[in-house]
Amino acid sequence: MSRPTTNKMSPLRTTLPRLPVFRRSILTLSQLRQYSSSSQKPTSQTGVFYKAWTRPVAKTALLAVFVYQLAYWGWSKLEVDDIKEQKKAEINRLEAQVKKLQDEKRREEK
């Protein structure tokens, strides 16, 4: 009986190094991004500017909106508290005036 011979053939495509699945996918994505086009386009200065400054400007704008909203809320709260205080003072003054008038009316009736 003759044994079948096994010929080792070279793979058609090279395999990625044996890394954990998560690392393999990152490596694959970075390779795809790097070699997605056959010709490398020079990066424009505008693109570089926006890539470098978009996130810091967005964070600053978001922080400014948050601070504005916080200051607006604080100011509104103070205004409402002041209006409530004025209304209470007016109610107390009017109640005192009503009491005074009722007392005068009772004296006149006697």
PDB file of N, CA and C in Angstrom:
ATOM      1  N   MET A   1       0.814  -1.171   0.000  1.00  0.00           N
ATOM      2  CA  MET A   1       0.000   0.000   0.000  1.00  0.00           C
ATOM      3  C   MET A   1       0.862   1.239   0.000  1.00  0.00           C
ATOM      4  N   SER A   2       0.428   2.120  -0.784  1.00  0.00           N
ATOM      5  CA  SER A   2       1.192   3.357  -0.826  1.00  0.00           C
ATOM      6  C   SER A   2       0.445   4.438  -0.061  1.00  0.00           C
ATOM      7  N   ARG A   3       1.209   5.213   0.535  1.00  0.00           N
ATOM      8  CA  ARG A   3       0.647   6.327   1.305  1.00  0.00           C
ATOM      9  C   ARG A   3       0.402   7.517   0.405  1.00  0.00           C
ATOM     10  N   PRO A   4      -0.744   8.209   0.645  1.00  0.00           N
ATOM     11  CA  PRO A   4      -0.931   9.426  -0.151  1.00  0.00           C
ATOM     12  C   PRO A   4       0.026  10.509   0.330  1.00  0.00           C
ATOM     13  N   THR A   5       0.589  11.174  -0.578  1.00  0.00           N
ATOM     14  CA  THR A   5       1.523  12.234  -0.225  1.00  0.00           C
ATOM     15  C   THR A   5       0.770  13.548  -0.079  1.00  0.00           C
ATOM     16  N   THR A   6       1.190  14.283   0.875  1.00  0.00           N
ATOM     17  CA  THR A   6       0.567  15.592   1.080  1.00  0.00           C
ATOM     18  C   THR A   6       1.544  16.656   0.648  1.00  0.00           C
ATOM     19  N   ASN A   7       1.093  17.463  -0.217  1.00  0.00           N
ATOM     20  CA  ASN A   7       1.917  18.592  -0.663  1.00  0.00           C
ATOM     21  C   ASN A   7       1.471  19.828   0.080  1.00  0.00           C
ATOM     22  N   LYS A   8       2.418  20.493   0.643  1.00  0.00           N
ATOM     23  CA  LYS A   8       2.085  21.753   1.307  1.00  0.00           C
ATOM     24  C   LYS A   8       2.082  22.839   0.252  1.00  0.00           C
ATOM     25  N   MET A   9       0.937  23.484   0.184  1.00  0.00           N
ATOM     26  CA  MET A   9       0.807  24.575  -0.773  1.00  0.00           C
ATOM     27  C   MET A   9       0.857  25.891  -0.011  1.00  0.00           C
ATOM     28  N   SER A  10       1.369  26.905  -0.643  1.00  0.00           N
ATOM     29  CA  SER A  10       1.408  28.209   0.011  1.00  0.00           C
ATOM     30  C   SER A  10       0.009  28.819  -0.035  1.00  0.00           C
ATOM     31  N   PRO A  11      -0.358  29.494   1.022  1.00  0.00           N
ATOM     32  CA  PRO A  11      -1.690  30.089   1.035  1.00  0.00           C
ATOM     33  C   PRO A  11      -1.815  31.187  -0.014  1.00  0.00           C
ATOM     34  N   LEU A  12      -3.039  31.362  -0.495  1.00  0.00           N
ATOM     35  CA  LEU A  12      -3.263  32.393  -1.509  1.00  0.00           C
ATOM     36  C   LEU A  12      -3.135  33.791  -0.926  1.00  0.00           C
ATOM     37  N   ARG A  13      -3.546  33.938   0.303  1.00  0.00           N
ATOM     38  CA  ARG A  13      -3.390  35.246   0.947  1.00  0.00           C
ATOM     39  C   ARG A  13      -2.731  35.035   2.304  1.00  0.00           C
ATOM     40  N   THR A  14      -2.013  36.029   2.711  1.00  0.00           N
ATOM     41  CA  THR A  14      -1.312  35.891   3.984  1.00  0.00           C
ATOM     42  C   THR A  14      -2.297  36.096   5.115  1.00  0.00           C
ATOM     43  N   THR A  15      -2.092  35.408   6.188  1.00  0.00           N
ATOM     44  CA  THR A  15      -2.970  35.530   7.342  1.00  0.00           C
ATOM     45  C   THR A  15      -2.415  36.555   8.308  1.00  0.00           C
ATOM     46  N   LEU A  16      -3.291  37.059   9.106  1.00  0.00           N
ATOM     47  CA  LEU A  16      -2.876  38.016  10.127  1.00  0.00           C
ATOM     48  C   LEU A  16      -2.174  37.267  11.242  1.00  0.00           C
ATOM     49  N   PRO A  17      -1.316  37.944  11.982  1.00  0.00           N
ATOM     50  CA  PRO A  17      -0.676  37.261  13.103  1.00  0.00           C
ATOM     51  C   PRO A  17      -1.724  36.822  14.115  1.00  0.00           C
ATOM     52  N   ARG A  18      -1.426  35.769  14.833  1.00  0.00           N
ATOM     53  CA  ARG A  18      -2.371  35.229  15.815  1.00  0.00           C
ATOM     54  C   ARG A  18      -2.458  36.149  17.019  1.00  0.00           C
ATOM     55  N   LEU A  19      -3.500  36.976  17.025  1.00  0.00           N
ATOM     56  CA  LEU A  19      -3.773  37.896  18.117  1.00  0.00           C
ATOM     57  C   LEU A  19      -5.179  37.605  18.607  1.00  0.00           C
ATOM     58  N   PRO A  20      -5.516  38.083  19.764  1.00  0.00           N
ATOM     59  CA  PRO A  20      -6.906  37.939  20.199  1.00  0.00           C
ATOM     60  C   PRO A  20      -7.843  38.579  19.180  1.00  0.00           C
ATOM     61  N   VAL A  21      -9.089  38.163  19.165  1.00  0.00           N
ATOM     62  CA  VAL A  21     -10.047  38.618  18.161  1.00  0.00           C
ATOM     63  C   VAL A  21     -10.176  40.135  18.159  1.00  0.00           C
ATOM     64  N   PHE A  22     -10.239  40.743  19.333  1.00  0.00           N
ATOM     65  CA  PHE A  22     -10.382  42.190  19.418  1.00  0.00           C
ATOM     66  C   PHE A  22      -9.204  42.880  18.761  1.00  0.00           C
ATOM     67  N   ARG A  23      -8.005  42.434  19.047  1.00  0.00           N
ATOM     68  CA  ARG A  23      -6.808  43.064  18.470  1.00  0.00           C
ATOM     69  C   ARG A  23      -6.746  42.836  16.970  1.00  0.00           C
ATOM     70  N   ARG A  24      -7.184  41.656  16.520  1.00  0.00           N
ATOM     71  CA  ARG A  24      -7.169  41.369  15.103  1.00  0.00           C
ATOM     72  C   ARG A  24      -8.079  42.325  14.338  1.00  0.00           C
ATOM     73  N   SER A  25      -9.270  42.617  14.902  1.00  0.00           N
ATOM     74  CA  SER A  25     -10.194  43.500  14.199  1.00  0.00           C
ATOM     75  C   SER A  25      -9.647  44.920  14.131  1.00  0.00           C
ATOM     76  N   ILE A  26      -8.961  45.358  15.181  1.00  0.00           N
ATOM     77  CA  ILE A  26      -8.362  46.699  15.151  1.00  0.00           C
ATOM     78  C   ILE A  26      -7.274  46.760  14.097  1.00  0.00           C
ATOM     79  N   LEU A  27      -6.477  45.716  14.054  1.00  0.00           N
ATOM     80  CA  LEU A  27      -5.405  45.672  13.076  1.00  0.00           C
ATOM     81  C   LEU A  27      -5.983  45.679  11.665  1.00  0.00           C
ATOM     82  N   THR A  28      -7.031  44.937  11.450  1.00  0.00           N
ATOM     83  CA  THR A  28      -7.647  44.875  10.138  1.00  0.00           C
ATOM     84  C   THR A  28      -8.232  46.236   9.751  1.00  0.00           C
ATOM     85  N   LEU A  29      -8.925  46.874  10.688  1.00  0.00           N
ATOM     86  CA  LEU A  29      -9.507  48.170  10.386  1.00  0.00           C
ATOM     87  C   LEU A  29      -8.438  49.203  10.072  1.00  0.00           C
ATOM     88  N   SER A  30      -7.349  49.171  10.833  1.00  0.00           N
ATOM     89  CA  SER A  30      -6.307  50.169  10.569  1.00  0.00           C
ATOM     90  C   SER A  30      -5.644  49.915   9.229  1.00  0.00           C
ATOM     91  N   GLN A  31      -5.489  48.631   8.866  1.00  0.00           N
ATOM     92  CA  GLN A  31      -4.920  48.340   7.558  1.00  0.00           C
ATOM     93  C   GLN A  31      -5.862  48.789   6.452  1.00  0.00           C
ATOM     94  N   LEU A  32      -7.164  48.554   6.642  1.00  0.00           N
ATOM     95  CA  LEU A  32      -8.113  48.969   5.632  1.00  0.00           C
ATOM     96  C   LEU A  32      -8.120  50.486   5.476  1.00  0.00           C
ATOM     97  N   ARG A  33      -8.061  51.177   6.577  1.00  0.00           N
ATOM     98  CA  ARG A  33      -8.052  52.638   6.510  1.00  0.00           C
ATOM     99  C   ARG A  33      -6.791  53.141   5.827  1.00  0.00           C
ATOM    100  N   GLN A  34      -5.690  52.498   6.149  1.00  0.00           N
ATOM    101  CA  GLN A  34      -4.420  52.976   5.620  1.00  0.00           C
ATOM    102  C   GLN A  34      -4.318  52.719   4.119  1.00  0.00           C
ATOM    103  N   TYR A  35      -4.813  51.597   3.655  1.00  0.00           N
ATOM    104  CA  TYR A  35      -4.644  51.223   2.259  1.00  0.00           C
ATOM    105  C   TYR A  35      -5.965  51.259   1.502  1.00  0.00           C
ATOM    106  N   SER A  36      -6.877  52.129   1.904  1.00  0.00           N
ATOM    107  CA  SER A  36      -8.178  52.169   1.246  1.00  0.00           C
ATOM    108  C   SER A  36      -8.097  52.728  -0.168  1.00  0.00           C
ATOM    109  N   SER A  37      -7.152  53.572  -0.425  1.00  0.00           N
ATOM    110  CA  SER A  37      -7.021  54.122  -1.776  1.00  0.00           C
ATOM    111  C   SER A  37      -5.624  53.814  -2.299  1.00  0.00           C
ATOM    112  N   SER A  38      -5.541  53.718  -3.580  1.00  0.00           N
ATOM    113  CA  SER A  38      -4.250  53.362  -4.160  1.00  0.00           C
ATOM    114  C   SER A  38      -3.275  54.541  -4.110  1.00  0.00           C
ATOM    115  N   SER A  39      -3.777  55.753  -4.192  1.00  0.00           N
ATOM    116  CA  SER A  39      -2.883  56.903  -4.137  1.00  0.00           C
ATOM    117  C   SER A  39      -3.154  57.687  -2.856  1.00  0.00           C
ATOM    118  N   GLN A  40      -2.122  58.081  -2.217  1.00  0.00           N
ATOM    119  CA  GLN A  40      -2.247  58.861  -0.990  1.00  0.00           C
ATOM    120  C   GLN A  40      -2.440  60.327  -1.365  1.00  0.00           C
ATOM    121  N   LYS A  41      -3.557  60.896  -0.910  1.00  0.00           N
ATOM    122  CA  LYS A  41      -3.824  62.301  -1.188  1.00  0.00           C
ATOM    123  C   LYS A  41      -3.121  63.140  -0.133  1.00  0.00           C
ATOM    124  N   PRO A  42      -2.541  64.238  -0.526  1.00  0.00           N
ATOM    125  CA  PRO A  42      -1.961  65.108   0.496  1.00  0.00           C
ATOM    126  C   PRO A  42      -3.077  65.732   1.328  1.00  0.00           C
ATOM    127  N   THR A  43      -2.852  65.809   2.619  1.00  0.00           N
ATOM    128  CA  THR A  43      -3.882  66.372   3.490  1.00  0.00           C
ATOM    129  C   THR A  43      -3.881  67.883   3.363  1.00  0.00           C
ATOM    130  N   SER A  44      -5.082  68.437   3.320  1.00  0.00           N
ATOM    131  CA  SER A  44      -5.186  69.881   3.197  1.00  0.00           C
ATOM    132  C   SER A  44      -5.002  70.521   4.569  1.00  0.00           C
ATOM    133  N   GLN A  45      -4.567  71.750   4.585  1.00  0.00           N
ATOM    134  CA  GLN A  45      -4.376  72.451   5.851  1.00  0.00           C
ATOM    135  C   GLN A  45      -5.706  72.697   6.536  1.00  0.00           C
ATOM    136  N   THR A  46      -6.761  72.877   5.759  1.00  0.00           N
ATOM    137  CA  THR A  46      -8.089  73.073   6.336  1.00  0.00           C
ATOM    138  C   THR A  46      -8.536  71.820   7.071  1.00  0.00           C
ATOM    139  N   GLY A  47      -8.336  70.666   6.452  1.00  0.00           N
ATOM    140  CA  GLY A  47      -8.694  69.405   7.084  1.00  0.00           C
ATOM    141  C   GLY A  47      -7.921  69.171   8.360  1.00  0.00           C
ATOM    142  N   VAL A  48      -6.633  69.479   8.329  1.00  0.00           N
ATOM    143  CA  VAL A  48      -5.793  69.320   9.522  1.00  0.00           C
ATOM    144  C   VAL A  48      -6.274  70.262  10.627  1.00  0.00           C
ATOM    145  N   PHE A  49      -6.605  71.492  10.243  1.00  0.00           N
ATOM    146  CA  PHE A  49      -7.091  72.459  11.227  1.00  0.00           C
ATOM    147  C   PHE A  49      -8.362  71.962  11.899  1.00  0.00           C
ATOM    148  N   TYR A  50      -9.347  71.534  11.095  1.00  0.00           N
ATOM    149  CA  TYR A  50     -10.609  71.073  11.666  1.00  0.00           C
ATOM    150  C   TYR A  50     -10.425  69.805  12.484  1.00  0.00           C
ATOM    151  N   LYS A  51      -9.548  68.925  12.040  1.00  0.00           N
ATOM    152  CA  LYS A  51      -9.308  67.692  12.792  1.00  0.00           C
ATOM    153  C   LYS A  51      -8.676  68.004  14.144  1.00  0.00           C
ATOM    154  N   ALA A  52      -7.836  69.001  14.199  1.00  0.00           N
ATOM    155  CA  ALA A  52      -7.152  69.342  15.446  1.00  0.00           C
ATOM    156  C   ALA A  52      -8.022  70.184  16.380  1.00  0.00           C
ATOM    157  N   TRP A  53      -8.880  71.048  15.833  1.00  0.00           N
ATOM    158  CA  TRP A  53      -9.571  72.026  16.672  1.00  0.00           C
ATOM    159  C   TRP A  53     -11.069  71.800  16.862  1.00  0.00           C
ATOM    160  N   THR A  54     -11.670  70.862  16.159  1.00  0.00           N
ATOM    161  CA  THR A  54     -13.115  70.660  16.284  1.00  0.00           C
ATOM    162  C   THR A  54     -13.507  70.243  17.688  1.00  0.00           C
ATOM    163  N   ARG A  55     -12.845  69.254  18.238  1.00  0.00           N
ATOM    164  CA  ARG A  55     -13.218  68.755  19.570  1.00  0.00           C
ATOM    165  C   ARG A  55     -12.997  69.811  20.667  1.00  0.00           C
ATOM    166  N   PRO A  56     -11.848  70.505  20.731  1.00  0.00           N
ATOM    167  CA  PRO A  56     -11.696  71.523  21.779  1.00  0.00           C
ATOM    168  C   PRO A  56     -12.703  72.671  21.653  1.00  0.00           C
ATOM    169  N   VAL A  57     -12.991  73.092  20.433  1.00  0.00           N
ATOM    170  CA  VAL A  57     -13.959  74.181  20.250  1.00  0.00           C
ATOM    171  C   VAL A  57     -15.354  73.705  20.659  1.00  0.00           C
ATOM    172  N   ALA A  58     -15.703  72.474  20.304  1.00  0.00           N
ATOM    173  CA  ALA A  58     -17.014  71.940  20.684  1.00  0.00           C
ATOM    174  C   ALA A  58     -17.133  71.820  22.200  1.00  0.00           C
ATOM    175  N   LYS A  59     -16.081  71.353  22.854  1.00  0.00           N
ATOM    176  CA  LYS A  59     -16.114  71.249  24.320  1.00  0.00           C
ATOM    177  C   LYS A  59     -16.261  72.622  24.958  1.00  0.00           C
ATOM    178  N   THR A  60     -15.540  73.596  24.440  1.00  0.00           N
ATOM    179  CA  THR A  60     -15.621  74.946  24.988  1.00  0.00           C
ATOM    180  C   THR A  60     -17.013  75.534  24.777  1.00  0.00           C
ATOM    181  N   ALA A  61     -17.573  75.334  23.593  1.00  0.00           N
ATOM    182  CA  ALA A  61     -18.922  75.849  23.321  1.00  0.00           C
ATOM    183  C   ALA A  61     -19.946  75.173  24.224  1.00  0.00           C
ATOM    184  N   LEU A  62     -19.819  73.873  24.416  1.00  0.00           N
ATOM    185  CA  LEU A  62     -20.740  73.152  25.288  1.00  0.00           C
ATOM    186  C   LEU A  62     -20.618  73.635  26.727  1.00  0.00           C
ATOM    187  N   LEU A  63     -19.399  73.852  27.169  1.00  0.00           N
ATOM    188  CA  LEU A  63     -19.179  74.361  28.523  1.00  0.00           C
ATOM    189  C   LEU A  63     -19.751  75.775  28.664  1.00  0.00           C
ATOM    190  N   ALA A  64     -19.589  76.607  27.642  1.00  0.00           N
ATOM    191  CA  ALA A  64     -20.129  77.971  27.690  1.00  0.00           C
ATOM    192  C   ALA A  64     -21.656  77.945  27.769  1.00  0.00           C
ATOM    193  N   VAL A  65     -22.290  77.070  26.999  1.00  0.00           N
ATOM    194  CA  VAL A  65     -23.752  76.957  27.042  1.00  0.00           C
ATOM    195  C   VAL A  65     -24.189  76.486  28.427  1.00  0.00           C
ATOM    196  N   PHE A  66     -23.477  75.523  28.994  1.00  0.00           N
ATOM    197  CA  PHE A  66     -23.810  75.026  30.322  1.00  0.00           C
ATOM    198  C   PHE A  66     -23.690  76.126  31.376  1.00  0.00           C
ATOM    199  N   VAL A  67     -22.606  76.892  31.335  1.00  0.00           N
ATOM    200  CA  VAL A  67     -22.412  77.981  32.297  1.00  0.00           C
ATOM    201  C   VAL A  67     -23.494  79.042  32.116  1.00  0.00           C
ATOM    202  N   TYR A  68     -23.835  79.359  30.864  1.00  0.00           N
ATOM    203  CA  TYR A  68     -24.892  80.332  30.609  1.00  0.00           C
ATOM    204  C   TYR A  68     -26.217  79.850  31.196  1.00  0.00           C
ATOM    205  N   GLN A  69     -26.555  78.585  30.955  1.00  0.00           N
ATOM    206  CA  GLN A  69     -27.802  78.038  31.474  1.00  0.00           C
ATOM    207  C   GLN A  69     -27.810  78.033  32.995  1.00  0.00           C
ATOM    208  N   LEU A  70     -26.693  77.730  33.600  1.00  0.00           N
ATOM    209  CA  LEU A  70     -26.584  77.741  35.055  1.00  0.00           C
ATOM    210  C   LEU A  70     -26.779  79.153  35.610  1.00  0.00           C
ATOM    211  N   ALA A  71     -26.130  80.140  34.978  1.00  0.00           N
ATOM    212  CA  ALA A  71     -26.288  81.528  35.415  1.00  0.00           C
ATOM    213  C   ALA A  71     -27.728  82.007  35.198  1.00  0.00           C
ATOM    214  N   TYR A  72     -28.325  81.636  34.081  1.00  0.00           N
ATOM    215  CA  TYR A  72     -29.710  82.016  33.792  1.00  0.00           C
ATOM    216  C   TYR A  72     -30.655  81.413  34.822  1.00  0.00           C
ATOM    217  N   TRP A  73     -30.464  80.135  35.145  1.00  0.00           N
ATOM    218  CA  TRP A  73     -31.304  79.479  36.140  1.00  0.00           C
ATOM    219  C   TRP A  73     -31.157  80.163  37.500  1.00  0.00           C
ATOM    220  N   GLY A  74     -29.913  80.464  37.895  1.00  0.00           N
ATOM    221  CA  GLY A  74     -29.676  81.145  39.170  1.00  0.00           C
ATOM    222  C   GLY A  74     -30.343  82.510  39.209  1.00  0.00           C
ATOM    223  N   TRP A  75     -30.186  83.260  38.132  1.00  0.00           N
ATOM    224  CA  TRP A  75     -30.802  84.599  38.067  1.00  0.00           C
ATOM    225  C   TRP A  75     -32.322  84.488  38.136  1.00  0.00           C
ATOM    226  N   SER A  76     -32.896  83.543  37.401  1.00  0.00           N
ATOM    227  CA  SER A  76     -34.355  83.349  37.424  1.00  0.00           C
ATOM    228  C   SER A  76     -34.835  82.970  38.813  1.00  0.00           C
ATOM    229  N   LYS A  77     -34.104  82.106  39.492  1.00  0.00           N
ATOM    230  CA  LYS A  77     -34.475  81.695  40.846  1.00  0.00           C
ATOM    231  C   LYS A  77     -34.465  82.899  41.786  1.00  0.00           C
ATOM    232  N   LEU A  78     -33.449  83.729  41.685  1.00  0.00           N
ATOM    233  CA  LEU A  78     -33.390  84.927  42.517  1.00  0.00           C
ATOM    234  C   LEU A  78     -34.545  85.872  42.214  1.00  0.00           C
ATOM    235  N   GLU A  79     -34.872  86.031  40.927  1.00  0.00           N
ATOM    236  CA  GLU A  79     -35.998  86.883  40.541  1.00  0.00           C
ATOM    237  C   GLU A  79     -37.308  86.354  41.128  1.00  0.00           C
ATOM    238  N   VAL A  80     -37.544  85.050  41.014  1.00  0.00           N
ATOM    239  CA  VAL A  80     -38.776  84.453  41.530  1.00  0.00           C
ATOM    240  C   VAL A  80     -38.849  84.623  43.044  1.00  0.00           C
ATOM    241  N   ASP A  81     -37.724  84.393  43.729  1.00  0.00           N
ATOM    242  CA  ASP A  81     -37.707  84.568  45.189  1.00  0.00           C
ATOM    243  C   ASP A  81     -38.014  86.018  45.564  1.00  0.00           C
ATOM    244  N   ASP A  82     -37.466  86.962  44.814  1.00  0.00           N
ATOM    245  CA  ASP A  82     -37.705  88.381  45.085  1.00  0.00           C
ATOM    246  C   ASP A  82     -39.179  88.735  44.857  1.00  0.00           C
ATOM    247  N   ILE A  83     -39.757  88.229  43.776  1.00  0.00           N
ATOM    248  CA  ILE A  83     -41.175  88.509  43.484  1.00  0.00           C
ATOM    249  C   ILE A  83     -42.062  87.907  44.565  1.00  0.00           C
ATOM    250  N   LYS A  84     -41.748  86.671  44.989  1.00  0.00           N
ATOM    251  CA  LYS A  84     -42.530  86.043  46.062  1.00  0.00           C
ATOM    252  C   LYS A  84     -42.458  86.872  47.344  1.00  0.00           C
ATOM    253  N   GLU A  85     -41.268  87.353  47.657  1.00  0.00           N
ATOM    254  CA  GLU A  85     -41.086  88.169  48.866  1.00  0.00           C
ATOM    255  C   GLU A  85     -41.911  89.453  48.778  1.00  0.00           C
ATOM    256  N   GLN A  86     -41.886  90.104  47.617  1.00  0.00           N
ATOM    257  CA  GLN A  86     -42.675  91.318  47.427  1.00  0.00           C
ATOM    258  C   GLN A  86     -44.171  91.035  47.554  1.00  0.00           C
ATOM    259  N   LYS A  87     -44.632  89.933  46.965  1.00  0.00           N
ATOM    260  CA  LYS A  87     -46.057  89.576  47.045  1.00  0.00           C
ATOM    261  C   LYS A  87     -46.467  89.288  48.494  1.00  0.00           C
ATOM    262  N   LYS A  88     -45.611  88.560  49.227  1.00  0.00           N
ATOM    263  CA  LYS A  88     -45.917  88.279  50.636  1.00  0.00           C
ATOM    264  C   LYS A  88     -45.996  89.567  51.442  1.00  0.00           C
ATOM    265  N   ALA A  89     -45.060  90.492  51.180  1.00  0.00           N
ATOM    266  CA  ALA A  89     -45.067  91.767  51.895  1.00  0.00           C
ATOM    267  C   ALA A  89     -46.346  92.545  51.569  1.00  0.00           C
ATOM    268  N   GLU A  90     -46.753  92.530  50.311  1.00  0.00           N
ATOM    269  CA  GLU A  90     -47.979  93.226  49.923  1.00  0.00           C
ATOM    270  C   GLU A  90     -49.210  92.578  50.559  1.00  0.00           C
ATOM    271  N   ILE A  91     -49.239  91.246  50.588  1.00  0.00           N
ATOM    272  CA  ILE A  91     -50.366  90.540  51.220  1.00  0.00           C
ATOM    273  C   ILE A  91     -50.428  90.868  52.710  1.00  0.00           C
ATOM    274  N   ASN A  92     -49.289  90.850  53.383  1.00  0.00           N
ATOM    275  CA  ASN A  92     -49.253  91.182  54.814  1.00  0.00           C
ATOM    276  C   ASN A  92     -49.727  92.614  55.061  1.00  0.00           C
ATOM    277  N   ARG A  93     -49.296  93.542  54.194  1.00  0.00           N
ATOM    278  CA  ARG A  93     -49.715  94.939  54.330  1.00  0.00           C
ATOM    279  C   ARG A  93     -51.222  95.079  54.140  1.00  0.00           C
ATOM    280  N   LEU A  94     -51.754  94.394  53.121  1.00  0.00           N
ATOM    281  CA  LEU A  94     -53.194  94.468  52.864  1.00  0.00           C
ATOM    282  C   LEU A  94     -54.001  93.790  53.977  1.00  0.00           C
ATOM    283  N   GLU A  95     -53.507  92.675  54.487  1.00  0.00           N
ATOM    284  CA  GLU A  95     -54.203  92.015  55.603  1.00  0.00           C
ATOM    285  C   GLU A  95     -54.225  92.918  56.835  1.00  0.00           C
ATOM    286  N   ALA A  96     -53.101  93.584  57.094  1.00  0.00           N
ATOM    287  CA  ALA A  96     -53.057  94.512  58.228  1.00  0.00           C
ATOM    288  C   ALA A  96     -54.042  95.661  58.017  1.00  0.00           C
ATOM    289  N   GLN A  97     -54.136  96.162  56.796  1.00  0.00           N
ATOM    290  CA  GLN A  97     -55.068  97.245  56.495  1.00  0.00           C
ATOM    291  C   GLN A  97     -56.518  96.773  56.677  1.00  0.00           C
ATOM    292  N   VAL A  98     -56.836  95.545  56.219  1.00  0.00           N
ATOM    293  CA  VAL A  98     -58.180  94.999  56.391  1.00  0.00           C
ATOM    294  C   VAL A  98     -58.498  94.849  57.868  1.00  0.00           C
ATOM    295  N   LYS A  99     -57.568  94.349  58.650  1.00  0.00           N
ATOM    296  CA  LYS A  99     -57.776  94.182  60.093  1.00  0.00           C
ATOM    297  C   LYS A  99     -58.032  95.541  60.761  1.00  0.00           C
ATOM    298  N   LYS A 100     -57.239  96.534  60.347  1.00  0.00           N
ATOM    299  CA  LYS A 100     -57.406  97.875  60.903  1.00  0.00           C
ATOM    300  C   LYS A 100     -58.803  98.425  60.579  1.00  0.00           C
ATOM    301  N   LEU A 101     -59.247  98.266  59.349  1.00  0.00           N
ATOM    302  CA  LEU A 101     -60.570  98.744  58.944  1.00  0.00           C
ATOM    303  C   LEU A 101     -61.684  97.995  59.680  1.00  0.00           C
ATOM    304  N   GLN A 102     -61.496  96.684  59.889  1.00  0.00           N
ATOM    305  CA  GLN A 102     -62.504  95.919  60.625  1.00  0.00           C
ATOM    306  C   GLN A 102     -62.588  96.383  62.086  1.00  0.00           C
ATOM    307  N   ASP A 103     -61.438  96.656  62.679  1.00  0.00           N
ATOM    308  CA  ASP A 103     -61.411  97.152  64.063  1.00  0.00           C
ATOM    309  C   ASP A 103     -62.106  98.516  64.154  1.00  0.00           C
ATOM    310  N   GLU A 104     -61.860  99.412  63.208  1.00  0.00           N
ATOM    311  CA  GLU A 104     -62.503 100.727  63.198  1.00  0.00           C
ATOM    312  C   GLU A 104     -64.025 100.579  63.051  1.00  0.00           C
ATOM    313  N   LYS A 105     -64.449  99.651  62.206  1.00  0.00           N
ATOM    314  CA  LYS A 105     -65.887  99.451  61.993  1.00  0.00           C
ATOM    315  C   LYS A 105     -66.549  98.936  63.273  1.00  0.00           C
ATOM    316  N   ARG A 106     -65.860  98.045  64.002  1.00  0.00           N
ATOM    317  CA  ARG A 106     -66.398  97.519  65.264  1.00  0.00           C
ATOM    318  C   ARG A 106     -66.523  98.625  66.300  1.00  0.00           C
ATOM    319  N   ARG A 107     -65.537  99.517  66.330  1.00  0.00           N
ATOM    320  CA  ARG A 107     -65.583 100.643  67.304  1.00  0.00           C
ATOM    321  C   ARG A 107     -66.758 101.566  66.981  1.00  0.00           C
ATOM    322  N   GLU A 108     -66.990 101.802  65.702  1.00  0.00           N
ATOM    323  CA  GLU A 108     -68.086 102.694  65.317  1.00  0.00           C
ATOM    324  C   GLU A 108     -69.444 102.078  65.657  1.00  0.00           C
ATOM    325  N   GLU A 109     -69.544 100.765  65.576  1.00  0.00           N
ATOM    326  CA  GLU A 109     -70.803 100.100  65.880  1.00  0.00           C
ATOM    327  C   GLU A 109     -71.146 100.144  67.374  1.00  0.00           C
ATOM    328  N   LYS A 110     -70.194 100.264  68.208  1.00  0.00           N
ATOM    329  CA  LYS A 110     -70.415 100.252  69.655  1.00  0.00           C
ATOM    330  C   LYS A 110     -70.943 101.527  70.144  1.00  0.00           C
TER     331      LYS A 110
END
